[in-house]
Amino acid sequence: MSKEPTLERAKKKFEARTSEIKEKYERKIRGLEEKIEKHKKERDAGLIEAEKQYREGFFFAFKSVLGEEDYNWLCKWLVKNKEKEIEEADKRREKKRADELEKMSVEDYLFWYFYDPKVEERLKKDMEQSKPEEVKRLSFILSKLRLEKQRLSRTRLDTLPYRE
């Protein structure tokens, strides 16, 4: 057999080289994808930690603004409110929503409730269904939150999630 280049040999050499190049870059791509996944996991862990710290600050701020007694009363009121919401979701056959509410801790529900941009509307609706003494106490608590919000807006440190 002759060592002269033939079309067949040239084609095999070309295919071997293209295969080699493809394999090399597929390895590089797999390595980069693994790094991307690692970075995504690190990012997600960082976001979870940041939210955890934010929530801790949120609860600390709420407790310090309201005081221990009003904070505890508000939590009890929210537990009753959450139970009503669960019943309403069950009546509307919203099993997923009812399950989500069931799984929420009091702190999670407090955070979710007051972080809602439509908290004023929700509170008005919920206060209509509350007893007069509860409405009075809620109004007092809301006035405390409003005063704190005004104080913070003057100092430009407005970090409370409560919105008007």
N, C-alpha and C. Protein backbone atom coordinates (compact mmCIF):
# COMPACT_ATOMS: atom_id res chain seq x y z
N MET A 1 0.82 -1.18 0.00
CA MET A 1 0.00 0.00 0.00
C MET A 1 0.86 1.24 0.00
N SER A 2 0.40 2.17 -0.71
CA SER A 2 1.19 3.38 -0.86
C SER A 2 0.86 4.36 0.26
N LYS A 3 1.83 5.18 0.60
CA LYS A 3 1.67 6.17 1.67
C LYS A 3 1.18 7.49 1.09
N GLU A 4 0.85 7.49 -0.15
CA GLU A 4 0.38 8.71 -0.78
C GLU A 4 -0.95 9.11 -0.19
N PRO A 5 -1.16 10.43 -0.05
CA PRO A 5 -2.46 10.87 0.47
C PRO A 5 -3.57 10.48 -0.48
N THR A 6 -4.58 9.96 0.12
CA THR A 6 -5.77 9.65 -0.68
C THR A 6 -6.93 10.38 -0.05
N LEU A 7 -8.01 10.46 -0.77
CA LEU A 7 -9.19 11.12 -0.25
C LEU A 7 -9.70 10.42 1.02
N GLU A 8 -9.59 9.10 1.00
CA GLU A 8 -10.07 8.32 2.15
C GLU A 8 -9.26 8.64 3.40
N ARG A 9 -7.92 8.67 3.28
CA ARG A 9 -7.06 9.00 4.41
C ARG A 9 -7.29 10.43 4.87
N ALA A 10 -7.41 11.34 3.97
CA ALA A 10 -7.63 12.75 4.30
C ALA A 10 -8.96 12.89 5.05
N LYS A 11 -9.96 12.15 4.58
CA LYS A 11 -11.27 12.22 5.24
C LYS A 11 -11.19 11.65 6.66
N LYS A 12 -10.49 10.50 6.83
CA LYS A 12 -10.34 9.89 8.16
C LYS A 12 -9.56 10.82 9.09
N LYS A 13 -8.52 11.44 8.58
CA LYS A 13 -7.73 12.37 9.37
C LYS A 13 -8.58 13.57 9.80
N PHE A 14 -9.38 14.07 8.89
CA PHE A 14 -10.27 15.19 9.17
C PHE A 14 -11.29 14.79 10.25
N GLU A 15 -11.90 13.61 10.09
CA GLU A 15 -12.90 13.15 11.05
C GLU A 15 -12.28 12.93 12.43
N ALA A 16 -11.08 12.38 12.47
CA ALA A 16 -10.39 12.17 13.75
C ALA A 16 -10.12 13.51 14.44
N ARG A 17 -9.65 14.47 13.65
CA ARG A 17 -9.35 15.80 14.21
C ARG A 17 -10.62 16.49 14.70
N THR A 18 -11.69 16.45 13.92
CA THR A 18 -12.95 17.09 14.35
C THR A 18 -13.51 16.39 15.59
N SER A 19 -13.39 15.07 15.64
CA SER A 19 -13.85 14.33 16.81
C SER A 19 -13.03 14.74 18.04
N GLU A 20 -11.73 14.85 17.88
CA GLU A 20 -10.84 15.26 18.97
C GLU A 20 -11.21 16.66 19.47
N ILE A 21 -11.45 17.58 18.55
CA ILE A 21 -11.82 18.96 18.92
C ILE A 21 -13.16 18.97 19.65
N LYS A 22 -14.13 18.21 19.13
CA LYS A 22 -15.45 18.16 19.77
C LYS A 22 -15.35 17.61 21.19
N GLU A 23 -14.61 16.52 21.36
CA GLU A 23 -14.46 15.92 22.69
C GLU A 23 -13.79 16.89 23.66
N LYS A 24 -12.74 17.58 23.19
CA LYS A 24 -12.02 18.54 24.03
C LYS A 24 -12.99 19.63 24.53
N TYR A 25 -13.78 20.17 23.63
CA TYR A 25 -14.68 21.26 24.03
C TYR A 25 -15.89 20.77 24.79
N GLU A 26 -16.32 19.55 24.55
CA GLU A 26 -17.41 18.98 25.35
C GLU A 26 -16.95 18.82 26.80
N ARG A 27 -15.69 18.39 27.00
CA ARG A 27 -15.14 18.29 28.35
C ARG A 27 -15.11 19.67 29.02
N LYS A 28 -14.66 20.66 28.25
CA LYS A 28 -14.61 22.02 28.80
C LYS A 28 -16.00 22.52 29.15
N ILE A 29 -16.98 22.24 28.29
CA ILE A 29 -18.35 22.67 28.52
C ILE A 29 -18.91 22.00 29.77
N ARG A 30 -18.67 20.67 29.91
CA ARG A 30 -19.13 19.96 31.11
C ARG A 30 -18.50 20.56 32.36
N GLY A 31 -17.22 20.87 32.29
CA GLY A 31 -16.55 21.50 33.44
C GLY A 31 -17.16 22.85 33.78
N LEU A 32 -17.44 23.63 32.76
CA LEU A 32 -18.06 24.94 33.00
C LEU A 32 -19.48 24.80 33.56
N GLU A 33 -20.22 23.82 33.03
CA GLU A 33 -21.58 23.59 33.55
C GLU A 33 -21.54 23.18 35.02
N GLU A 34 -20.55 22.37 35.40
CA GLU A 34 -20.39 21.98 36.80
C GLU A 34 -20.07 23.21 37.66
N LYS A 35 -19.21 24.08 37.14
CA LYS A 35 -18.87 25.30 37.87
C LYS A 35 -20.10 26.20 38.00
N ILE A 36 -20.88 26.30 36.93
CA ILE A 36 -22.09 27.12 36.96
C ILE A 36 -23.05 26.59 38.02
N GLU A 37 -23.24 25.28 38.06
CA GLU A 37 -24.12 24.68 39.06
C GLU A 37 -23.61 24.96 40.47
N LYS A 38 -22.30 24.85 40.65
CA LYS A 38 -21.70 25.13 41.96
C LYS A 38 -21.97 26.58 42.34
N HIS A 39 -21.77 27.50 41.40
CA HIS A 39 -22.01 28.92 41.68
C HIS A 39 -23.48 29.20 41.95
N LYS A 40 -24.37 28.52 41.24
CA LYS A 40 -25.80 28.69 41.48
C LYS A 40 -26.17 28.24 42.88
N LYS A 41 -25.60 27.11 43.31
CA LYS A 41 -25.86 26.62 44.66
C LYS A 41 -25.34 27.59 45.70
N GLU A 42 -24.14 28.13 45.47
CA GLU A 42 -23.58 29.13 46.39
C GLU A 42 -24.46 30.39 46.43
N ARG A 43 -24.91 30.82 45.24
CA ARG A 43 -25.79 31.98 45.16
C ARG A 43 -27.08 31.74 45.93
N ASP A 44 -27.69 30.58 45.70
CA ASP A 44 -28.95 30.27 46.37
C ASP A 44 -28.77 30.20 47.89
N ALA A 45 -27.67 29.61 48.34
CA ALA A 45 -27.39 29.55 49.77
C ALA A 45 -27.21 30.96 50.34
N GLY A 46 -26.53 31.82 49.58
CA GLY A 46 -26.35 33.21 50.01
C GLY A 46 -27.66 33.95 50.09
N LEU A 47 -28.54 33.72 49.11
CA LEU A 47 -29.85 34.37 49.12
C LEU A 47 -30.69 33.89 50.30
N ILE A 48 -30.62 32.61 50.57
CA ILE A 48 -31.37 32.05 51.71
C ILE A 48 -30.86 32.67 53.01
N GLU A 49 -29.55 32.76 53.14
CA GLU A 49 -28.96 33.36 54.35
C GLU A 49 -29.33 34.84 54.46
N ALA A 50 -29.30 35.56 53.35
CA ALA A 50 -29.67 36.99 53.37
C ALA A 50 -31.14 37.15 53.79
N GLU A 51 -32.02 36.29 53.26
CA GLU A 51 -33.43 36.37 53.64
C GLU A 51 -33.60 36.03 55.12
N LYS A 52 -32.86 35.05 55.60
CA LYS A 52 -32.93 34.66 57.00
C LYS A 52 -32.53 35.84 57.89
N GLN A 53 -31.44 36.50 57.53
CA GLN A 53 -30.98 37.66 58.30
C GLN A 53 -31.98 38.81 58.21
N TYR A 54 -32.55 39.01 57.02
CA TYR A 54 -33.55 40.06 56.85
C TYR A 54 -34.76 39.79 57.73
N ARG A 55 -35.22 38.55 57.74
CA ARG A 55 -36.38 38.19 58.56
C ARG A 55 -36.07 38.40 60.05
N GLU A 56 -34.87 38.01 60.47
CA GLU A 56 -34.50 38.22 61.86
C GLU A 56 -34.56 39.71 62.20
N GLY A 57 -34.05 40.54 61.31
CA GLY A 57 -34.11 41.98 61.50
C GLY A 57 -35.54 42.48 61.51
N PHE A 58 -36.36 41.92 60.64
CA PHE A 58 -37.77 42.28 60.55
C PHE A 58 -38.47 41.99 61.88
N PHE A 59 -38.28 40.78 62.42
CA PHE A 59 -38.94 40.42 63.67
C PHE A 59 -38.40 41.25 64.83
N PHE A 60 -37.10 41.49 64.83
CA PHE A 60 -36.52 42.32 65.88
C PHE A 60 -37.12 43.72 65.84
N ALA A 61 -37.23 44.30 64.63
CA ALA A 61 -37.80 45.64 64.47
C ALA A 61 -39.27 45.64 64.91
N PHE A 62 -40.00 44.64 64.49
CA PHE A 62 -41.42 44.57 64.87
C PHE A 62 -41.55 44.50 66.39
N LYS A 63 -40.77 43.63 67.02
CA LYS A 63 -40.85 43.49 68.48
C LYS A 63 -40.44 44.78 69.18
N SER A 64 -39.39 45.41 68.70
CA SER A 64 -38.93 46.63 69.37
C SER A 64 -39.89 47.78 69.17
N VAL A 65 -40.53 47.88 68.02
CA VAL A 65 -41.50 48.95 67.77
C VAL A 65 -42.78 48.71 68.56
N LEU A 66 -43.27 47.49 68.54
CA LEU A 66 -44.56 47.20 69.17
C LEU A 66 -44.46 46.93 70.66
N GLY A 67 -43.35 46.42 71.08
CA GLY A 67 -43.23 45.96 72.46
C GLY A 67 -43.66 44.50 72.53
N GLU A 68 -43.16 43.82 73.53
CA GLU A 68 -43.40 42.37 73.66
C GLU A 68 -44.89 42.04 73.77
N GLU A 69 -45.61 42.80 74.58
CA GLU A 69 -47.03 42.51 74.81
C GLU A 69 -47.85 42.66 73.53
N ASP A 70 -47.69 43.78 72.83
CA ASP A 70 -48.45 43.99 71.59
C ASP A 70 -48.01 43.02 70.51
N TYR A 71 -46.73 42.70 70.47
CA TYR A 71 -46.22 41.74 69.48
C TYR A 71 -46.87 40.38 69.71
N ASN A 72 -46.89 39.93 70.96
CA ASN A 72 -47.50 38.63 71.27
C ASN A 72 -49.00 38.64 70.97
N TRP A 73 -49.69 39.74 71.29
CA TRP A 73 -51.12 39.84 70.99
C TRP A 73 -51.34 39.76 69.48
N LEU A 74 -50.52 40.50 68.72
CA LEU A 74 -50.65 40.51 67.26
C LEU A 74 -50.44 39.10 66.71
N CYS A 75 -49.47 38.37 67.24
CA CYS A 75 -49.23 37.00 66.78
C CYS A 75 -50.45 36.12 67.04
N LYS A 76 -51.06 36.27 68.22
CA LYS A 76 -52.26 35.47 68.53
C LYS A 76 -53.39 35.84 67.58
N TRP A 77 -53.56 37.14 67.33
CA TRP A 77 -54.61 37.59 66.41
C TRP A 77 -54.36 37.03 65.01
N LEU A 78 -53.10 37.02 64.59
CA LEU A 78 -52.76 36.50 63.27
C LEU A 78 -53.01 35.00 63.17
N VAL A 79 -52.78 34.27 64.26
CA VAL A 79 -53.05 32.83 64.26
C VAL A 79 -54.54 32.60 64.00
N LYS A 80 -55.39 33.37 64.69
CA LYS A 80 -56.84 33.24 64.46
C LYS A 80 -57.18 33.62 63.02
N ASN A 81 -56.56 34.66 62.54
CA ASN A 81 -56.81 35.12 61.17
C ASN A 81 -56.36 34.06 60.16
N LYS A 82 -55.22 33.44 60.44
CA LYS A 82 -54.72 32.39 59.55
C LYS A 82 -55.69 31.22 59.51
N GLU A 83 -56.23 30.86 60.66
CA GLU A 83 -57.20 29.76 60.72
C GLU A 83 -58.44 30.08 59.90
N LYS A 84 -58.90 31.35 59.97
CA LYS A 84 -60.04 31.76 59.15
C LYS A 84 -59.71 31.65 57.67
N GLU A 85 -58.50 32.07 57.32
CA GLU A 85 -58.07 31.99 55.91
C GLU A 85 -58.02 30.55 55.43
N ILE A 86 -57.57 29.66 56.29
CA ILE A 86 -57.51 28.23 55.94
C ILE A 86 -58.93 27.70 55.69
N GLU A 87 -59.85 28.06 56.58
CA GLU A 87 -61.24 27.63 56.41
C GLU A 87 -61.82 28.15 55.10
N GLU A 88 -61.55 29.43 54.80
CA GLU A 88 -62.06 30.01 53.56
C GLU A 88 -61.46 29.31 52.34
N ALA A 89 -60.18 29.01 52.41
CA ALA A 89 -59.52 28.31 51.29
C ALA A 89 -60.12 26.91 51.13
N ASP A 90 -60.40 26.24 52.25
CA ASP A 90 -61.03 24.92 52.18
C ASP A 90 -62.43 25.00 51.55
N LYS A 91 -63.18 26.03 51.94
CA LYS A 91 -64.52 26.21 51.38
C LYS A 91 -64.47 26.44 49.88
N ARG A 92 -63.45 27.18 49.44
CA ARG A 92 -63.28 27.44 48.00
C ARG A 92 -62.56 26.29 47.30
N ARG A 93 -62.28 25.24 48.07
CA ARG A 93 -61.59 24.05 47.56
C ARG A 93 -60.22 24.37 46.98
N GLU A 94 -59.53 25.27 47.66
CA GLU A 94 -58.15 25.63 47.30
C GLU A 94 -57.22 24.87 48.23
N LYS A 95 -57.11 23.59 47.97
CA LYS A 95 -56.33 22.69 48.85
C LYS A 95 -54.87 23.14 48.96
N LYS A 96 -54.28 23.53 47.84
CA LYS A 96 -52.88 23.94 47.84
C LYS A 96 -52.67 25.15 48.75
N ARG A 97 -53.54 26.15 48.63
CA ARG A 97 -53.44 27.35 49.45
C ARG A 97 -53.64 27.02 50.92
N ALA A 98 -54.61 26.19 51.22
CA ALA A 98 -54.88 25.78 52.60
C ALA A 98 -53.67 25.06 53.18
N ASP A 99 -53.06 24.18 52.40
CA ASP A 99 -51.86 23.46 52.86
C ASP A 99 -50.70 24.41 53.12
N GLU A 100 -50.51 25.40 52.21
CA GLU A 100 -49.44 26.38 52.40
C GLU A 100 -49.62 27.13 53.72
N LEU A 101 -50.86 27.56 53.97
CA LEU A 101 -51.14 28.29 55.20
C LEU A 101 -50.93 27.41 56.43
N GLU A 102 -51.34 26.16 56.33
CA GLU A 102 -51.18 25.22 57.46
C GLU A 102 -49.71 25.08 57.84
N LYS A 103 -48.84 25.04 56.83
CA LYS A 103 -47.42 24.81 57.07
C LYS A 103 -46.69 26.05 57.60
N MET A 104 -47.30 27.24 57.42
CA MET A 104 -46.63 28.48 57.84
C MET A 104 -46.59 28.60 59.35
N SER A 105 -45.41 28.98 59.84
CA SER A 105 -45.30 29.29 61.26
C SER A 105 -45.92 30.66 61.50
N VAL A 106 -46.09 31.01 62.75
CA VAL A 106 -46.65 32.33 63.07
C VAL A 106 -45.75 33.43 62.52
N GLU A 107 -44.43 33.24 62.66
CA GLU A 107 -43.49 34.24 62.17
C GLU A 107 -43.55 34.36 60.65
N ASP A 108 -43.65 33.23 59.96
CA ASP A 108 -43.76 33.26 58.50
C ASP A 108 -45.03 33.99 58.07
N TYR A 109 -46.11 33.70 58.78
CA TYR A 109 -47.39 34.34 58.44
C TYR A 109 -47.31 35.84 58.74
N LEU A 110 -46.72 36.22 59.84
CA LEU A 110 -46.55 37.64 60.18
C LEU A 110 -45.75 38.35 59.10
N PHE A 111 -44.65 37.75 58.70
CA PHE A 111 -43.80 38.33 57.66
C PHE A 111 -44.58 38.46 56.36
N TRP A 112 -45.22 37.39 55.97
CA TRP A 112 -45.99 37.38 54.72
C TRP A 112 -47.12 38.40 54.78
N TYR A 113 -47.81 38.46 55.89
CA TYR A 113 -48.97 39.34 56.04
C TYR A 113 -48.55 40.81 55.94
N PHE A 114 -47.52 41.20 56.68
CA PHE A 114 -47.12 42.61 56.70
C PHE A 114 -46.21 43.00 55.56
N TYR A 115 -45.67 42.04 54.86
CA TYR A 115 -44.82 42.37 53.71
C TYR A 115 -45.66 42.54 52.44
N ASP A 116 -46.92 42.14 52.52
CA ASP A 116 -47.84 42.28 51.40
C ASP A 116 -48.06 43.76 51.10
N PRO A 117 -47.85 44.18 49.85
CA PRO A 117 -48.05 45.61 49.52
C PRO A 117 -49.50 46.06 49.73
N LYS A 118 -50.42 45.13 49.78
CA LYS A 118 -51.83 45.47 49.98
C LYS A 118 -52.25 45.22 51.43
N VAL A 119 -51.31 45.38 52.36
CA VAL A 119 -51.58 45.08 53.76
C VAL A 119 -52.71 45.95 54.31
N GLU A 120 -52.79 47.21 53.90
CA GLU A 120 -53.86 48.09 54.39
C GLU A 120 -55.24 47.53 54.03
N GLU A 121 -55.39 47.11 52.78
CA GLU A 121 -56.67 46.54 52.34
C GLU A 121 -57.00 45.27 53.12
N ARG A 122 -56.00 44.43 53.29
CA ARG A 122 -56.21 43.18 54.03
C ARG A 122 -56.61 43.46 55.46
N LEU A 123 -55.90 44.41 56.08
CA LEU A 123 -56.19 44.73 57.48
C LEU A 123 -57.61 45.29 57.62
N LYS A 124 -58.00 46.16 56.71
CA LYS A 124 -59.35 46.72 56.78
C LYS A 124 -60.39 45.61 56.69
N LYS A 125 -60.18 44.70 55.75
CA LYS A 125 -61.12 43.58 55.57
C LYS A 125 -61.13 42.70 56.83
N ASP A 126 -59.95 42.39 57.34
CA ASP A 126 -59.86 41.52 58.50
C ASP A 126 -60.38 42.21 59.77
N MET A 127 -60.20 43.52 59.85
CA MET A 127 -60.69 44.25 61.02
C MET A 127 -62.21 44.29 61.04
N GLU A 128 -62.83 44.29 59.86
CA GLU A 128 -64.30 44.27 59.78
C GLU A 128 -64.87 43.01 60.42
N GLN A 129 -64.10 41.93 60.35
CA GLN A 129 -64.55 40.65 60.88
C GLN A 129 -64.10 40.43 62.33
N SER A 130 -63.38 41.43 62.89
CA SER A 130 -62.86 41.30 64.24
C SER A 130 -63.80 41.91 65.27
N LYS A 131 -63.55 41.56 66.51
CA LYS A 131 -64.31 42.11 67.62
C LYS A 131 -63.88 43.56 67.85
N PRO A 132 -64.76 44.39 68.44
CA PRO A 132 -64.42 45.80 68.66
C PRO A 132 -63.14 46.01 69.46
N GLU A 133 -62.91 45.19 70.48
CA GLU A 133 -61.68 45.35 71.28
C GLU A 133 -60.44 44.98 70.45
N GLU A 134 -60.61 44.02 69.54
CA GLU A 134 -59.49 43.67 68.65
C GLU A 134 -59.21 44.80 67.67
N VAL A 135 -60.26 45.42 67.17
CA VAL A 135 -60.10 46.52 66.23
C VAL A 135 -59.36 47.67 66.91
N LYS A 136 -59.74 47.93 68.15
CA LYS A 136 -59.08 49.01 68.91
C LYS A 136 -57.60 48.71 69.09
N ARG A 137 -57.29 47.48 69.44
CA ARG A 137 -55.90 47.09 69.66
C ARG A 137 -55.12 47.12 68.34
N LEU A 138 -55.73 46.63 67.28
CA LEU A 138 -55.08 46.66 65.97
C LEU A 138 -54.82 48.09 65.52
N SER A 139 -55.78 48.97 65.75
CA SER A 139 -55.60 50.38 65.38
C SER A 139 -54.43 50.98 66.14
N PHE A 140 -54.32 50.64 67.42
CA PHE A 140 -53.21 51.12 68.23
C PHE A 140 -51.87 50.60 67.68
N ILE A 141 -51.83 49.33 67.34
CA ILE A 141 -50.62 48.72 66.79
C ILE A 141 -50.26 49.37 65.46
N LEU A 142 -51.25 49.59 64.61
CA LEU A 142 -51.00 50.23 63.32
C LEU A 142 -50.49 51.66 63.51
N SER A 143 -51.02 52.36 64.50
CA SER A 143 -50.53 53.73 64.73
C SER A 143 -49.06 53.69 65.17
N LYS A 144 -48.69 52.70 65.97
CA LYS A 144 -47.28 52.54 66.35
C LYS A 144 -46.41 52.32 65.11
N LEU A 145 -46.88 51.46 64.21
CA LEU A 145 -46.12 51.17 62.99
C LEU A 145 -46.02 52.41 62.09
N ARG A 146 -47.11 53.16 61.99
CA ARG A 146 -47.09 54.39 61.17
C ARG A 146 -46.12 55.41 61.74
N LEU A 147 -46.15 55.58 63.06
CA LEU A 147 -45.23 56.53 63.70
C LEU A 147 -43.77 56.14 63.45
N GLU A 148 -43.51 54.85 63.57
CA GLU A 148 -42.15 54.37 63.32
C GLU A 148 -41.75 54.59 61.87
N LYS A 149 -42.68 54.37 60.97
CA LYS A 149 -42.41 54.58 59.55
C LYS A 149 -42.10 56.05 59.29
N GLN A 150 -42.87 56.94 59.89
CA GLN A 150 -42.60 58.38 59.72
C GLN A 150 -41.25 58.75 60.31
N ARG A 151 -40.95 58.22 61.49
CA ARG A 151 -39.66 58.51 62.12
C ARG A 151 -38.51 58.06 61.22
N LEU A 152 -38.66 56.86 60.67
CA LEU A 152 -37.61 56.32 59.82
C LEU A 152 -37.48 57.09 58.52
N SER A 153 -38.60 57.51 57.97
CA SER A 153 -38.53 58.24 56.70
C SER A 153 -37.83 59.58 56.88
N ARG A 154 -37.92 60.16 58.09
CA ARG A 154 -37.18 61.39 58.36
C ARG A 154 -35.69 61.13 58.47
N THR A 155 -35.32 59.93 58.91
CA THR A 155 -33.91 59.58 59.05
C THR A 155 -33.38 58.82 57.83
N ARG A 156 -34.26 58.58 56.87
CA ARG A 156 -33.93 57.89 55.61
C ARG A 156 -33.44 56.46 55.82
N LEU A 157 -33.91 55.84 56.86
CA LEU A 157 -33.57 54.44 57.13
C LEU A 157 -34.81 53.56 57.06
N ASP A 158 -35.71 53.89 56.18
CA ASP A 158 -36.98 53.20 56.09
C ASP A 158 -36.80 51.75 55.65
N THR A 159 -36.77 50.84 56.63
CA THR A 159 -36.59 49.42 56.30
C THR A 159 -37.78 48.58 56.72
N LEU A 160 -38.75 49.17 57.41
CA LEU A 160 -39.93 48.38 57.79
C LEU A 160 -40.75 48.05 56.55
N PRO A 161 -41.19 46.82 56.43
CA PRO A 161 -41.95 46.43 55.24
C PRO A 161 -43.38 46.97 55.23
N TYR A 162 -43.84 47.51 56.34
CA TYR A 162 -45.21 47.99 56.39
C TYR A 162 -45.36 49.19 55.44
N ARG A 163 -46.37 49.14 54.61
CA ARG A 163 -46.62 50.21 53.63
C ARG A 163 -47.99 50.82 53.85
N GLU A 164 -48.11 52.09 53.55
CA GLU A 164 -49.43 52.73 53.65
C GLU A 164 -50.09 52.72 52.31
